[in-house]
Amino acid sequence: MIEYKTSDGWIDYYYYDWVTSDGKTILKWHSEPHNEDERYQTTTEPYHIHLPASETLHNMYRLANFEHQTLRSIIEFILLFDKALPSFQNYTAKKP
């Protein structure tokens, strides 16, 4: 987690990265603007999500981030995902 703050203490932009204990990326939520090259922008510029590097061909691929723009909402997503995933995995494992 890296935050860059304004002189009056507000978060200017951030890098909130969700990684495994061995350092593998799960997801990254970033809010830095990409004004220098519009090809790097999403419809929610400056908010965007990076998938794991193994899922993308290059760094230009980002997902728009409409809802998870605060640390609180990102942590809530992670906690819900952590609770829901085991149930989903058990459900899919039972299918023929």
Protein backbone atom coordinates (compact mmCIF):
# COMPACT_ATOMS: atom_id res chain seq x y z
CA MET A 1 0.00 0.00 0.00
CA ILE A 2 1.46 3.32 -1.09
CA GLU A 3 -0.32 6.65 -0.75
CA TYR A 4 0.80 10.03 -2.01
CA LYS A 5 -0.74 12.87 -0.04
CA THR A 6 -1.26 16.56 -0.65
CA SER A 7 0.33 19.13 1.66
CA ASP A 8 -2.91 19.30 3.65
CA GLY A 9 -3.07 15.52 4.20
CA TRP A 10 -5.55 14.39 1.52
CA ILE A 11 -4.71 11.34 -0.57
CA ASP A 12 -3.70 12.58 -4.01
CA TYR A 13 -3.30 9.10 -5.51
CA TYR A 14 -2.61 5.58 -4.30
CA TYR A 15 -1.36 2.09 -5.16
CA TYR A 16 -3.27 -0.58 -3.21
CA ASP A 17 -1.95 -3.99 -4.25
CA TRP A 18 -3.39 -7.33 -3.09
CA VAL A 19 -0.65 -9.95 -3.15
CA THR A 20 -0.21 -13.45 -1.78
CA SER A 21 2.18 -14.19 1.08
CA ASP A 22 4.80 -15.22 -1.50
CA GLY A 23 4.45 -11.95 -3.44
CA LYS A 24 2.20 -13.00 -6.34
CA THR A 25 -0.24 -10.34 -7.50
CA ILE A 26 -3.95 -11.02 -7.12
CA LEU A 27 -5.29 -7.55 -8.04
CA LYS A 28 -4.03 -3.97 -7.94
CA TRP A 29 -6.21 -0.89 -7.39
CA HIS A 30 -4.49 2.31 -8.53
CA SER A 31 -5.54 5.93 -8.88
CA GLU A 32 -2.64 7.62 -10.62
CA PRO A 33 -3.63 9.53 -13.76
CA HIS A 34 -2.27 8.59 -17.18
CA ASN A 35 -2.45 11.98 -18.83
CA GLU A 36 0.66 11.49 -20.96
CA ASP A 37 -0.87 8.71 -23.09
CA GLU A 38 -4.63 8.26 -23.50
CA ARG A 39 -4.13 4.61 -24.49
CA TYR A 40 -3.39 3.91 -20.82
CA GLN A 41 -6.66 5.48 -19.63
CA THR A 42 -9.89 3.75 -18.63
CA THR A 43 -13.40 5.19 -18.59
CA THR A 44 -12.94 5.75 -14.85
CA GLU A 45 -9.62 7.58 -15.18
CA PRO A 46 -7.68 7.89 -12.91
CA TYR A 47 -9.18 4.87 -11.10
CA HIS A 48 -8.29 1.48 -12.58
CA ILE A 49 -7.56 -2.14 -11.67
CA HIS A 50 -4.63 -4.25 -12.84
CA LEU A 51 -5.06 -8.00 -13.23
CA PRO A 52 -2.20 -10.34 -12.33
CA ALA A 53 0.72 -9.98 -14.75
CA SER A 54 0.20 -13.57 -15.91
CA GLU A 55 -3.28 -12.61 -17.16
CA THR A 56 -2.22 -9.60 -19.22
CA LEU A 57 -0.11 -9.19 -22.30
CA HIS A 58 1.21 -5.75 -21.43
CA ASN A 59 0.86 -2.93 -18.94
CA MET A 60 -1.65 -1.04 -21.12
CA TYR A 61 -4.46 -3.39 -20.15
CA ARG A 62 -6.42 -2.03 -17.21
CA LEU A 63 -9.98 -2.52 -15.99
CA ALA A 64 -12.27 0.41 -15.27
CA ASN A 65 -12.94 0.83 -11.55
CA PHE A 66 -16.35 2.34 -10.90
CA GLU A 67 -16.94 1.24 -7.30
CA HIS A 68 -13.79 0.27 -5.39
CA GLN A 69 -12.00 3.60 -5.09
CA THR A 70 -11.41 3.85 -1.34
CA LEU A 71 -9.28 1.66 0.89
CA ARG A 72 -12.38 0.75 2.89
CA SER A 73 -14.31 -0.46 -0.18
CA ILE A 74 -11.28 -2.40 -1.44
CA ILE A 75 -10.79 -4.16 1.91
CA GLU A 76 -14.51 -4.94 2.03
CA PHE A 77 -14.23 -6.50 -1.45
CA ILE A 78 -11.25 -8.63 -0.36
CA LEU A 79 -13.03 -9.82 2.80
CA LEU A 80 -16.21 -10.71 0.88
CA PHE A 81 -14.20 -12.42 -1.86
CA ASP A 82 -12.30 -14.42 0.78
CA LYS A 83 -15.60 -15.58 2.33
CA ALA A 84 -17.38 -16.32 -0.95
CA LEU A 85 -14.63 -18.07 -2.91
CA PRO A 86 -14.50 -21.29 -0.83
CA SER A 87 -18.27 -21.72 -1.23
CA PHE A 88 -18.02 -21.16 -4.97
CA GLN A 89 -15.13 -23.62 -5.29
CA ASN A 90 -17.12 -26.29 -3.42
CA TYR A 91 -20.15 -25.62 -5.64
CA THR A 92 -18.21 -25.92 -8.90
CA ALA A 93 -16.36 -29.03 -7.70
CA LYS A 94 -19.70 -30.88 -7.28
CA LYS A 95 -20.77 -30.32 -10.89
CA PRO A 96 -20.23 -33.26 -13.30
